[in-house]
């Protein structure tokens, strides 16, 4: 699976993760979830999916922007007002994604670096050792 997952591929993947699910049933559930999200955004301006995150609408006012053309020429363009759908993941979901980046390991070769060292501290210590 690449960076962009096709819809039919997502349905197929769901059949592997959910016991007894078929591609048709996965398709129906995804379409239902899509409709529920759109309805709730239209009614309330937000939709909270437990253990996953929050979808919400953000209004953007009309404005003028500077656009760069092919020959690096700059011109002003008008962008009309619009609503954007935004997503904020729940803490548990975000923590599960970032779990593997929580602690930087020193692999035992630097005794004076704390276990939870910043990347800048690690670079500083390794560069200092190279100079010595």
Protein backbone atom coordinates (compact mmCIF):
# COMPACT_ATOMS: atom_id res chain seq x y z
CA UNK A 1 0.00 0.00 0.00
CA UNK A 2 1.38 3.39 -1.00
CA UNK A 3 0.87 6.87 0.38
CA UNK A 4 -2.48 7.14 -1.34
CA UNK A 5 -4.87 4.26 -0.69
CA UNK A 6 -7.51 3.54 -3.29
CA UNK A 7 -11.04 3.11 -2.01
CA UNK A 8 -11.40 -0.51 -3.17
CA UNK A 9 -8.03 -1.33 -1.59
CA UNK A 10 -9.23 0.13 1.72
CA UNK A 11 -12.36 -2.03 1.55
CA UNK A 12 -10.21 -5.10 0.88
CA UNK A 13 -7.90 -4.26 3.81
CA UNK A 14 -10.90 -3.94 6.12
CA UNK A 15 -11.98 -7.48 5.22
CA UNK A 16 -8.65 -8.75 6.57
CA UNK A 17 -8.96 -6.79 9.84
CA UNK A 18 -12.65 -7.46 10.62
CA UNK A 19 -13.68 -11.08 10.98
CA UNK A 20 -16.62 -11.99 8.75
CA UNK A 21 -16.51 -8.76 6.75
CA UNK A 22 -16.86 -8.80 2.98
CA UNK A 23 -15.78 -6.17 0.48
CA UNK A 24 -19.45 -5.21 -0.03
CA UNK A 25 -20.11 -4.84 3.70
CA UNK A 26 -16.92 -2.79 4.17
CA UNK A 27 -18.02 -0.57 1.28
CA UNK A 28 -21.48 -0.06 2.84
CA UNK A 29 -20.02 0.81 6.26
CA UNK A 30 -17.51 3.28 4.80
CA UNK A 31 -20.21 4.95 2.70
CA UNK A 32 -22.44 5.15 5.79
CA UNK A 33 -19.66 6.70 7.87
CA UNK A 34 -18.97 9.21 5.10
CA UNK A 35 -22.64 10.24 4.99
CA UNK A 36 -22.85 10.53 8.79
CA UNK A 37 -19.75 12.76 8.92
CA UNK A 38 -21.11 15.06 6.20
CA UNK A 39 -24.56 15.27 7.84
CA UNK A 40 -23.11 16.08 11.27
CA UNK A 41 -20.75 18.68 9.84
CA UNK A 42 -23.68 20.34 8.11
CA UNK A 43 -25.86 20.24 11.25
CA UNK A 44 -23.36 20.93 14.04
CA UNK A 45 -20.18 22.12 12.36
CA UNK A 46 -18.23 19.23 13.90
CA UNK A 47 -18.23 15.45 14.23
CA UNK A 48 -16.37 13.54 16.93
CA UNK A 49 -15.38 9.96 16.17
CA UNK A 50 -14.46 8.35 19.53
CA UNK A 51 -10.88 7.01 19.83
CA UNK A 52 -10.08 8.57 16.45
CA UNK A 53 -10.53 12.33 16.35
CA UNK A 54 -12.66 15.33 15.57
CA UNK A 55 -13.70 16.65 12.17
CA UNK A 56 -14.77 20.29 12.13
CA UNK A 57 -15.50 23.11 9.70
CA UNK A 58 -13.29 26.18 9.57
CA UNK A 59 -14.58 29.22 7.71
CA UNK A 60 -12.04 31.14 5.61
CA UNK A 61 -12.91 34.69 4.55
CA UNK A 62 -12.40 35.91 0.99
CA UNK A 63 -9.00 37.42 0.30
CA UNK A 64 -6.50 38.44 -2.32
CA UNK A 65 -3.35 36.41 -2.83
CA UNK A 66 -0.18 36.83 -4.81
CA UNK A 67 0.24 33.99 -7.29
CA UNK A 68 3.50 33.22 -9.08
CA UNK A 69 3.21 32.34 -12.76
CA UNK A 70 5.42 30.25 -15.03
CA UNK A 71 7.92 33.05 -15.65
CA UNK A 72 8.00 33.94 -11.94
CA UNK A 73 5.67 36.83 -12.64
CA UNK A 74 3.53 37.79 -9.67
CA UNK A 75 -0.13 38.68 -9.99
CA UNK A 76 -2.96 39.22 -7.57
CA UNK A 77 -5.81 36.72 -7.59
CA UNK A 78 -9.09 36.78 -5.71
CA UNK A 79 -9.92 33.74 -3.54
CA UNK A 80 -13.60 33.56 -2.52
CA UNK A 81 -14.70 32.65 1.00
CA UNK A 82 -15.00 28.94 1.69
CA UNK A 83 -15.42 26.33 4.39
CA UNK A 84 -12.62 23.83 5.00
CA UNK A 85 -12.96 20.49 6.74
CA UNK A 86 -10.23 20.09 9.35
CA UNK A 87 -9.27 17.06 11.44
CA UNK A 88 -7.71 16.88 14.89
CA UNK A 89 -6.66 13.41 16.11
CA UNK A 90 -7.50 12.29 19.63
CA UNK A 91 -4.61 12.01 22.07
CA UNK A 92 -4.69 8.19 22.15
CA UNK A 93 -4.62 7.99 18.34
CA UNK A 94 -1.80 10.54 18.08
CA UNK A 95 0.16 8.81 20.85
CA UNK A 96 -0.17 5.42 19.10
CA UNK A 97 1.20 6.94 15.90
CA UNK A 98 4.09 8.70 17.65
CA UNK A 99 4.85 5.90 20.14
CA UNK A 100 7.99 4.75 18.33
CA UNK A 101 9.43 8.30 18.38
CA UNK A 102 8.85 8.88 22.11
CA UNK A 103 12.35 8.03 23.34
CA UNK A 104 15.63 8.63 21.55
CA UNK A 105 17.97 5.76 22.32
CA UNK A 106 21.67 6.34 22.86
CA UNK A 107 22.54 2.64 22.36
CA UNK A 108 24.76 2.70 25.43
CA UNK A 109 27.62 4.54 23.75
CA UNK A 110 27.07 7.89 25.49
CA UNK A 111 27.01 7.72 29.28
CA UNK A 112 26.41 11.41 29.92
CA UNK A 113 23.35 11.81 27.65
CA UNK A 114 19.98 11.36 29.39
CA UNK A 115 17.67 8.62 28.12
CA UNK A 116 15.17 11.15 26.77
CA UNK A 117 17.67 13.36 24.98
CA UNK A 118 16.72 15.82 22.30
CA UNK A 119 18.08 15.36 18.82
CA UNK A 120 20.08 18.59 19.21
CA UNK A 121 21.76 17.24 22.37
CA UNK A 122 22.68 14.02 20.59
CA UNK A 123 24.23 15.86 17.63
CA UNK A 124 26.11 18.17 19.95
CA UNK A 125 27.59 15.28 21.98
CA UNK A 126 28.53 13.21 18.92
CA UNK A 127 30.15 16.20 17.19
CA UNK A 128 32.09 16.98 20.36
CA UNK A 129 33.38 13.38 20.53
CA UNK A 130 34.48 13.55 16.89
CA UNK A 131 36.49 16.71 17.56
CA UNK A 132 38.25 15.11 20.57
